[in-house]
Protein backbone atom coordinates (compact mmCIF):
# COMPACT_ATOMS: atom_id res chain seq x y z
CA MET A 1 25.50 15.44 16.82
CA ARG A 2 24.89 18.25 14.34
CA PRO A 3 23.18 21.35 15.79
CA ALA A 4 20.21 21.00 13.42
CA PHE A 5 19.23 17.78 15.24
CA SER A 6 19.53 19.18 18.78
CA ARG A 7 15.77 19.14 19.32
CA VAL A 8 15.39 15.50 18.19
CA VAL A 9 15.27 13.07 21.11
CA PHE A 10 17.31 9.99 20.16
CA SER A 11 17.56 6.97 22.43
CA ASN A 12 21.00 6.18 20.95
CA PRO A 13 22.56 9.53 19.92
CA ASP A 14 25.88 8.02 18.80
CA ALA A 15 24.29 5.55 16.39
CA ALA A 16 21.91 8.26 15.17
CA ALA A 17 24.81 10.64 14.55
CA ARG A 18 26.60 8.01 12.46
CA ALA A 19 23.47 7.32 10.43
CA ILE A 20 22.90 11.03 9.85
CA GLU A 21 26.46 11.53 8.63
CA ASN A 22 26.00 8.67 6.18
CA LEU A 23 22.86 10.29 4.80
CA LEU A 24 23.98 13.91 4.57
CA SER A 25 26.12 15.45 1.88
CA ALA A 26 27.72 18.84 1.38
CA GLU A 27 25.97 18.91 -1.99
CA ARG A 28 22.54 18.90 -0.29
CA PRO A 29 22.66 21.31 2.68
CA GLN A 30 18.86 21.79 2.69
CA PHE A 31 18.32 18.07 3.28
CA GLU A 32 19.82 18.40 6.76
CA GLU A 33 17.14 20.90 7.78
CA ASN A 34 14.31 18.90 6.18
CA LEU A 35 15.45 15.65 7.77
CA ALA A 36 15.80 17.22 11.22
CA ALA A 37 12.27 18.66 11.03
CA ALA A 38 10.83 15.30 9.92
CA LEU A 39 12.65 13.36 12.64
CA GLU A 40 11.51 15.84 15.28
CA GLU A 41 7.92 14.85 14.47
CA SER A 42 8.69 11.12 14.48
CA PRO A 43 7.58 9.04 17.49
CA ASP A 44 10.80 7.00 17.22
CA PRO A 45 13.50 8.88 15.27
CA ASP A 46 16.10 6.13 15.83
CA ILE A 47 13.96 3.52 14.06
CA THR A 48 12.97 6.00 11.37
CA LEU A 49 16.63 6.63 10.55
CA VAL A 50 17.36 2.90 10.31
CA ARG A 51 14.37 2.37 8.02
CA LEU A 52 15.30 5.38 5.88
CA GLU A 53 18.73 3.86 5.24
CA ARG A 54 17.03 0.57 4.35
CA PHE A 55 14.61 2.32 1.97
CA LEU A 56 17.41 4.19 0.17
CA ALA A 57 19.41 0.96 -0.12
CA ALA A 58 16.40 -0.71 -1.75
CA SER A 59 15.59 2.21 -4.06
CA ARG A 60 16.61 1.94 -7.70
CA THR A 61 17.14 5.73 -7.75
CA PRO A 62 18.38 6.73 -4.26
CA HIS A 63 20.00 9.91 -5.57
CA LEU A 64 16.67 11.07 -7.00
CA ASP A 65 14.95 10.30 -3.69
CA LEU A 66 17.55 12.34 -1.83
CA GLU A 67 17.28 15.20 -4.32
CA LEU A 68 13.51 15.28 -3.85
CA MET A 69 13.81 15.15 -0.07
CA THR A 70 16.21 18.09 -0.37
CA ALA A 71 13.91 20.12 -2.60
CA ALA A 72 10.57 19.24 -0.97
CA PRO A 73 10.23 19.23 2.84
CA ARG A 74 6.77 17.67 2.49
CA TYR A 75 8.25 14.67 0.68
CA THR A 76 10.80 14.22 3.49
CA ARG A 77 7.95 14.29 6.00
CA LEU A 78 5.94 11.79 3.92
CA VAL A 79 8.87 9.35 3.76
CA ALA A 80 9.69 9.70 7.47
CA THR A 81 6.07 9.35 8.53
CA VAL A 82 5.43 6.22 6.47
CA LEU A 83 8.70 4.55 7.48
CA GLY A 84 8.35 5.55 11.11
CA GLN A 85 4.82 4.25 11.38
CA SER A 86 5.38 0.50 11.15
CA HIS A 87 7.66 -2.33 10.08
CA PHE A 88 4.84 -3.58 7.83
CA LEU A 89 4.69 -0.37 5.76
CA THR A 90 8.49 -0.25 5.61
CA ASP A 91 8.51 -3.78 4.18
CA ILE A 92 6.07 -2.67 1.46
CA VAL A 93 8.12 0.34 0.32
CA CYS A 94 11.40 -1.58 0.51
CA ARG A 95 9.92 -4.35 -1.62
CA ASN A 96 8.47 -1.79 -4.06
CA PRO A 97 10.38 1.47 -3.55
CA GLU A 98 8.55 3.04 -6.50
CA TYR A 99 5.38 3.08 -4.39
CA MET A 100 6.75 6.00 -2.38
CA MET A 101 6.80 8.09 -5.55
CA TYR A 102 3.29 6.85 -6.30
CA LEU A 103 2.17 8.29 -2.95
CA TRP A 104 3.87 11.58 -3.75
CA GLU A 105 2.86 12.07 -7.37
CA ASP A 106 -0.26 10.05 -8.14
CA ALA A 107 -2.19 9.12 -5.00
CA ASP A 108 -4.85 11.55 -3.77
CA LEU A 109 -4.63 11.04 -0.03
CA ALA A 110 -7.57 13.36 0.59
CA GLN A 111 -10.07 11.27 -1.36
CA THR A 112 -11.64 7.84 -0.87
CA ARG A 113 -11.39 5.82 -4.08
CA THR A 114 -14.73 4.53 -5.28
CA ARG A 115 -15.52 0.85 -5.54
CA GLU A 116 -16.08 1.23 -9.28
CA ASP A 117 -12.72 2.90 -9.83
CA LEU A 118 -10.88 0.22 -7.88
CA VAL A 119 -12.73 -2.65 -9.59
CA ARG A 120 -11.92 -1.18 -13.00
CA GLU A 121 -8.22 -0.89 -12.18
CA ALA A 122 -8.02 -4.33 -10.56
CA ARG A 123 -9.64 -5.97 -13.58
CA SER A 124 -7.37 -4.16 -16.02
CA ILE A 125 -4.29 -5.20 -14.03
CA VAL A 126 -5.08 -8.93 -13.99
CA ASP A 127 -6.12 -8.85 -17.65
CA LEU A 128 -2.60 -7.77 -18.63
CA PHE A 129 -1.28 -11.27 -17.82
CA ASP A 130 -1.96 -14.68 -19.32
CA THR A 131 -1.20 -17.16 -16.52
CA PHE A 132 -2.91 -17.73 -13.21
CA GLU A 133 0.34 -17.26 -11.27
CA SER A 134 1.23 -13.97 -12.98
CA ARG A 135 -2.29 -12.61 -12.49
CA CYS A 136 -2.21 -13.49 -8.80
CA GLU A 137 1.20 -11.85 -8.38
CA ALA A 138 -0.09 -8.70 -10.12
CA LEU A 139 -3.05 -8.67 -7.74
CA ARG A 140 -0.70 -9.02 -4.75
CA ARG A 141 1.33 -6.03 -5.98
CA PHE A 142 -1.87 -4.05 -6.37
CA ARG A 143 -2.87 -5.01 -2.84
CA ARG A 144 0.46 -3.83 -1.39
CA ARG A 145 0.24 -0.51 -3.20
CA GLU A 146 -3.35 0.15 -2.14
CA ILE A 147 -2.79 -0.85 1.49
CA LEU A 148 0.14 1.59 1.53
CA ARG A 149 -2.02 4.35 0.02
CA ILE A 150 -4.84 3.80 2.51
CA ALA A 151 -2.40 3.65 5.42
CA ALA A 152 -0.87 6.94 4.25
CA ARG A 153 -4.33 8.48 4.25
CA ASP A 154 -4.57 7.44 7.89
CA VAL A 155 -1.11 8.40 9.21
CA VAL A 156 -0.13 11.24 6.85
CA ALA A 157 -3.40 12.91 5.82
CA HIS A 158 -5.16 12.00 9.11
CA CYS A 159 -8.41 11.12 7.35
CA HIS A 160 -11.44 10.21 9.45
CA VAL A 161 -11.61 6.58 10.50
CA ALA A 162 -14.90 6.12 8.59
CA ALA A 163 -13.25 7.28 5.36
CA VAL A 164 -10.38 4.81 5.89
CA ALA A 165 -12.87 1.99 6.53
CA ASP A 166 -14.72 2.89 3.32
CA ASP A 167 -11.46 2.82 1.37
CA LEU A 168 -10.51 -0.57 2.80
CA SER A 169 -13.97 -1.97 2.08
CA ASN A 170 -13.98 -0.66 -1.49
CA PHE A 171 -10.55 -2.17 -2.07
CA ALA A 172 -11.59 -5.53 -0.55
CA ASP A 173 -14.56 -5.62 -2.94
CA ALA A 174 -12.27 -4.88 -5.88
CA ALA A 175 -9.75 -7.51 -4.79
CA CYS A 176 -12.52 -10.12 -4.58
CA GLU A 177 -13.80 -9.16 -8.04
CA ALA A 178 -10.29 -9.46 -9.49
CA ALA A 179 -9.59 -12.76 -7.70
CA LEU A 180 -12.82 -14.24 -9.06
CA ARG A 181 -11.82 -13.02 -12.51
CA CYS A 182 -8.47 -14.81 -12.13
CA ALA A 183 -10.30 -18.00 -11.13
CA ARG A 184 -12.67 -17.80 -14.10
CA HIS A 185 -9.79 -17.25 -16.52
CA GLU A 186 -8.14 -20.37 -15.12
CA LEU A 187 -11.13 -22.69 -14.76
CA LYS A 188 -13.37 -21.92 -17.74
CA PRO A 189 -10.94 -23.22 -20.42
CA ARG A 190 -10.44 -26.43 -18.39
CA PHE A 191 -14.01 -27.22 -17.32
CA GLY A 192 -16.32 -24.97 -19.35
CA LYS A 193 -19.11 -22.80 -17.98
CA PRO A 194 -20.91 -23.96 -14.81
CA LEU A 195 -24.32 -24.99 -16.13
CA ALA A 196 -27.59 -25.27 -14.24
CA SER A 197 -28.88 -28.84 -13.93
CA GLY A 198 -30.51 -30.20 -17.06
CA THR A 199 -30.10 -26.98 -19.05
CA ARG A 200 -27.56 -25.18 -21.20
CA ASN A 201 -27.98 -22.03 -19.10
CA GLU A 202 -25.02 -20.76 -17.10
CA ALA A 203 -25.64 -21.00 -13.37
CA ASN A 204 -25.77 -17.75 -11.43
CA PHE A 205 -22.98 -17.24 -8.89
CA VAL A 206 -22.54 -14.86 -5.97
CA ALA A 207 -19.82 -14.17 -3.41
CA ILE A 208 -21.33 -12.85 -0.17
CA GLY A 209 -19.23 -10.67 2.11
CA MET A 210 -19.83 -11.50 5.76
CA GLY A 211 -18.89 -9.81 9.02
CA LYS A 212 -16.87 -6.60 8.82
CA LEU A 213 -16.68 -6.75 5.04
CA GLY A 214 -20.45 -7.01 4.74
CA ALA A 215 -20.87 -4.18 7.24
CA ARG A 216 -18.12 -2.09 5.58
CA GLU A 217 -16.24 -1.82 8.87
CA LEU A 218 -12.86 -3.26 7.85
CA ASN A 219 -9.64 -2.24 9.54
CA PHE A 220 -6.05 -3.03 8.54
CA SER A 221 -5.92 -6.31 10.50
CA SER A 222 -9.32 -7.62 9.38
CA ASP A 223 -9.73 -10.87 7.53
CA ILE A 224 -12.55 -10.99 4.99
CA ASP A 225 -15.13 -13.74 5.39
CA LEU A 226 -16.80 -14.93 2.19
CA ILE A 227 -19.51 -17.42 1.27
CA PHE A 228 -19.69 -18.66 -2.34
CA LEU A 229 -23.05 -19.77 -3.72
CA TYR A 230 -24.50 -21.02 -6.98
CA ASP A 231 -28.25 -20.67 -7.46
CA GLU A 232 -28.69 -24.44 -7.93
CA SER A 233 -26.85 -27.69 -8.39
CA GLY A 234 -25.26 -28.11 -11.78
CA GLU A 235 -22.30 -29.39 -13.74
């Protein structure tokens, strides 16, 4: 094991040493120091190393990721913290490796995004596509990115639990708005507007958030419970 990693407690030092040698390069001596410092803070450095190799294998630009981790210790810590936190977050960044750069360059981990901001972005995303399936897939990508951002606010920026709950609730509202928009785009051309009985007036519709969504107390494992209502019977 290299001396720089002497303070890191590995449960399998031999496997960790092999993984470290695969990651390090004589061209990037500073990366060794940055990686050792990040792993020292990790609750499970063995797993973090395995997930880091997986992330770099999935990345379209692994050399750029390594260059940034060499130049910016904070980026190394961000990557190690997110990957070391959970298998779920690792799956997200390995499926969309570009989201790690989104966390680094674009996401403001100190701020809760407003409902209005999230609704506006969600609507614009689904409106880029012209089929129900492609809109739903775009919304799923948006969901993965935002769950990753909110999780990073929790585990990297250590935001207050109430701020994380607000962020999750605002995102859930935006996701519902966008999903309803997808449904309208799909159903209106096939069936027309939902009309109130005996009139040509469009029926009013509401989606009511129940439980933790209604109370704005969502956590990462919460389902959202919804009730859909029209104001009267119609056609």
